[in-house]
Amino acid sequence: AVISTARMEGIEEGIDLGIEKGIEKVKRKVALRLITMNFPIEKIVEATDLDLETIKKIESEHK
């Protein structure tokens, strides 16, 4: 069966979105681990490419 171009593009977008969500989840896990290891927040931002607000939110959720 032939899949339409629009449908293929939709499937590819879904795959890309899933990959991005997975990468974000890993970054958050790494950030949490670094927080528990008492790394300076600035270094966590640098290491994960997450913004400062996100790091602070992760930190406050796991106190």
N, C-alpha and C. Protein backbone atom coordinates (compact mmCIF):
# COMPACT_ATOMS: atom_id res chain seq x y z
N ALA A 1 0.85 -1.19 0.00
CA ALA A 1 0.00 0.00 0.00
C ALA A 1 0.88 1.23 0.00
N VAL A 2 0.43 2.22 -0.71
CA VAL A 2 1.17 3.48 -0.80
C VAL A 2 0.66 4.42 0.28
N ILE A 3 1.59 4.98 1.04
CA ILE A 3 1.21 5.93 2.08
C ILE A 3 1.37 7.33 1.51
N SER A 4 0.39 8.18 1.71
CA SER A 4 0.44 9.53 1.16
C SER A 4 1.60 10.32 1.76
N THR A 5 2.06 11.30 1.00
CA THR A 5 3.16 12.15 1.45
C THR A 5 2.80 12.86 2.74
N ALA A 6 1.59 13.39 2.83
CA ALA A 6 1.16 14.10 4.04
C ALA A 6 1.18 13.17 5.24
N ARG A 7 0.72 11.95 5.04
CA ARG A 7 0.71 10.99 6.15
C ARG A 7 2.13 10.65 6.58
N MET A 8 3.03 10.46 5.62
CA MET A 8 4.43 10.17 5.95
C MET A 8 5.05 11.34 6.71
N GLU A 9 4.75 12.57 6.27
CA GLU A 9 5.27 13.74 6.98
C GLU A 9 4.74 13.78 8.41
N GLY A 10 3.49 13.43 8.59
CA GLY A 10 2.90 13.38 9.93
C GLY A 10 3.58 12.34 10.80
N ILE A 11 3.85 11.20 10.22
CA ILE A 11 4.53 10.13 10.95
C ILE A 11 5.94 10.59 11.34
N GLU A 12 6.65 11.20 10.40
CA GLU A 12 8.00 11.69 10.68
C GLU A 12 7.98 12.76 11.77
N GLU A 13 6.99 13.66 11.73
CA GLU A 13 6.87 14.68 12.77
C GLU A 13 6.65 14.03 14.13
N GLY A 14 5.81 13.02 14.17
CA GLY A 14 5.55 12.31 15.42
C GLY A 14 6.79 11.64 15.96
N ILE A 15 7.57 11.04 15.09
CA ILE A 15 8.82 10.40 15.50
C ILE A 15 9.77 11.45 16.05
N ASP A 16 9.92 12.57 15.32
CA ASP A 16 10.81 13.64 15.78
C ASP A 16 10.38 14.17 17.14
N LEU A 17 9.08 14.36 17.32
CA LEU A 17 8.57 14.86 18.60
C LEU A 17 8.88 13.87 19.72
N GLY A 18 8.71 12.60 19.45
CA GLY A 18 9.01 11.57 20.44
C GLY A 18 10.48 11.57 20.82
N ILE A 19 11.34 11.74 19.84
CA ILE A 19 12.78 11.79 20.10
C ILE A 19 13.10 13.01 20.96
N GLU A 20 12.53 14.17 20.61
CA GLU A 20 12.77 15.39 21.39
C GLU A 20 12.31 15.22 22.83
N LYS A 21 11.15 14.60 23.04
CA LYS A 21 10.65 14.37 24.39
C LYS A 21 11.59 13.45 25.16
N GLY A 22 12.10 12.44 24.49
CA GLY A 22 13.04 11.51 25.13
C GLY A 22 14.32 12.21 25.54
N ILE A 23 14.83 13.06 24.68
CA ILE A 23 16.05 13.81 24.99
C ILE A 23 15.80 14.72 26.19
N GLU A 24 14.66 15.40 26.20
CA GLU A 24 14.30 16.29 27.31
C GLU A 24 14.22 15.51 28.62
N LYS A 25 13.65 14.32 28.57
CA LYS A 25 13.52 13.48 29.77
C LYS A 25 14.90 13.10 30.31
N VAL A 26 15.81 12.74 29.42
CA VAL A 26 17.16 12.38 29.83
C VAL A 26 17.87 13.58 30.45
N LYS A 27 17.72 14.76 29.83
CA LYS A 27 18.34 15.97 30.38
C LYS A 27 17.84 16.23 31.80
N ARG A 28 16.54 16.05 32.01
CA ARG A 28 15.97 16.28 33.34
C ARG A 28 16.50 15.26 34.35
N LYS A 29 16.66 14.01 33.93
CA LYS A 29 17.21 12.98 34.82
C LYS A 29 18.65 13.31 35.20
N VAL A 30 19.43 13.75 34.22
CA VAL A 30 20.82 14.13 34.48
C VAL A 30 20.85 15.32 35.43
N ALA A 31 20.00 16.30 35.18
CA ALA A 31 19.94 17.48 36.04
C ALA A 31 19.63 17.08 37.48
N LEU A 32 18.66 16.21 37.66
CA LEU A 32 18.30 15.77 39.01
C LEU A 32 19.48 15.06 39.67
N ARG A 33 20.15 14.23 38.94
CA ARG A 33 21.31 13.53 39.50
C ARG A 33 22.39 14.52 39.92
N LEU A 34 22.65 15.52 39.07
CA LEU A 34 23.66 16.52 39.41
C LEU A 34 23.23 17.36 40.61
N ILE A 35 21.93 17.65 40.71
CA ILE A 35 21.42 18.38 41.87
C ILE A 35 21.67 17.57 43.14
N THR A 36 21.38 16.28 43.10
CA THR A 36 21.58 15.44 44.29
C THR A 36 23.05 15.28 44.63
N MET A 37 23.93 15.52 43.64
CA MET A 37 25.37 15.46 43.88
C MET A 37 25.93 16.83 44.27
N ASN A 38 25.02 17.79 44.50
CA ASN A 38 25.37 19.14 44.94
C ASN A 38 26.23 19.92 43.95
N PHE A 39 26.03 19.68 42.66
CA PHE A 39 26.71 20.49 41.64
C PHE A 39 26.13 21.90 41.67
N PRO A 40 26.94 22.90 41.38
CA PRO A 40 26.41 24.27 41.29
C PRO A 40 25.39 24.36 40.15
N ILE A 41 24.32 25.11 40.39
CA ILE A 41 23.25 25.22 39.40
C ILE A 41 23.77 25.72 38.06
N GLU A 42 24.71 26.66 38.08
CA GLU A 42 25.25 27.19 36.82
C GLU A 42 25.89 26.08 35.99
N LYS A 43 26.56 25.16 36.66
CA LYS A 43 27.20 24.03 35.95
C LYS A 43 26.15 23.06 35.41
N ILE A 44 25.06 22.89 36.13
CA ILE A 44 23.98 22.01 35.68
C ILE A 44 23.33 22.59 34.43
N VAL A 45 23.10 23.91 34.44
CA VAL A 45 22.56 24.58 33.25
C VAL A 45 23.49 24.36 32.07
N GLU A 46 24.77 24.55 32.31
CA GLU A 46 25.77 24.39 31.24
C GLU A 46 25.82 22.95 30.73
N ALA A 47 25.76 21.99 31.64
CA ALA A 47 25.89 20.58 31.26
C ALA A 47 24.66 20.04 30.54
N THR A 48 23.48 20.54 30.89
CA THR A 48 22.25 19.96 30.35
C THR A 48 21.58 20.80 29.27
N ASP A 49 21.97 22.05 29.14
CA ASP A 49 21.31 23.00 28.23
C ASP A 49 19.87 23.28 28.63
N LEU A 50 19.50 22.95 29.85
CA LEU A 50 18.19 23.33 30.36
C LEU A 50 18.31 24.74 30.92
N ASP A 51 17.20 25.50 30.90
CA ASP A 51 17.29 26.86 31.43
C ASP A 51 17.24 26.85 32.95
N LEU A 52 17.66 27.96 33.53
CA LEU A 52 17.77 28.09 34.98
C LEU A 52 16.43 27.81 35.67
N GLU A 53 15.35 28.33 35.11
CA GLU A 53 14.03 28.13 35.72
C GLU A 53 13.67 26.65 35.78
N THR A 54 13.99 25.92 34.73
CA THR A 54 13.69 24.48 34.69
C THR A 54 14.49 23.74 35.75
N ILE A 55 15.76 24.09 35.89
CA ILE A 55 16.62 23.45 36.91
C ILE A 55 16.06 23.73 38.30
N LYS A 56 15.69 24.97 38.56
CA LYS A 56 15.15 25.33 39.87
C LYS A 56 13.84 24.60 40.15
N LYS A 57 13.02 24.42 39.11
CA LYS A 57 11.76 23.69 39.27
C LYS A 57 12.04 22.22 39.62
N ILE A 58 12.98 21.61 38.91
CA ILE A 58 13.35 20.22 39.19
C ILE A 58 13.85 20.11 40.63
N GLU A 59 14.67 21.06 41.03
CA GLU A 59 15.23 21.06 42.38
C GLU A 59 14.12 21.17 43.43
N SER A 60 13.17 22.08 43.22
CA SER A 60 12.11 22.27 44.22
C SER A 60 11.15 21.07 44.28
N GLU A 61 10.98 20.38 43.16
CA GLU A 61 10.09 19.21 43.13
C GLU A 61 10.68 18.01 43.86
N HIS A 62 11.98 18.02 44.09
CA HIS A 62 12.64 16.84 44.68
C HIS A 62 13.35 17.16 45.99
N LYS A 63 12.82 18.11 46.73
CA LYS A 63 13.43 18.42 48.04
C LYS A 63 12.85 17.55 49.10
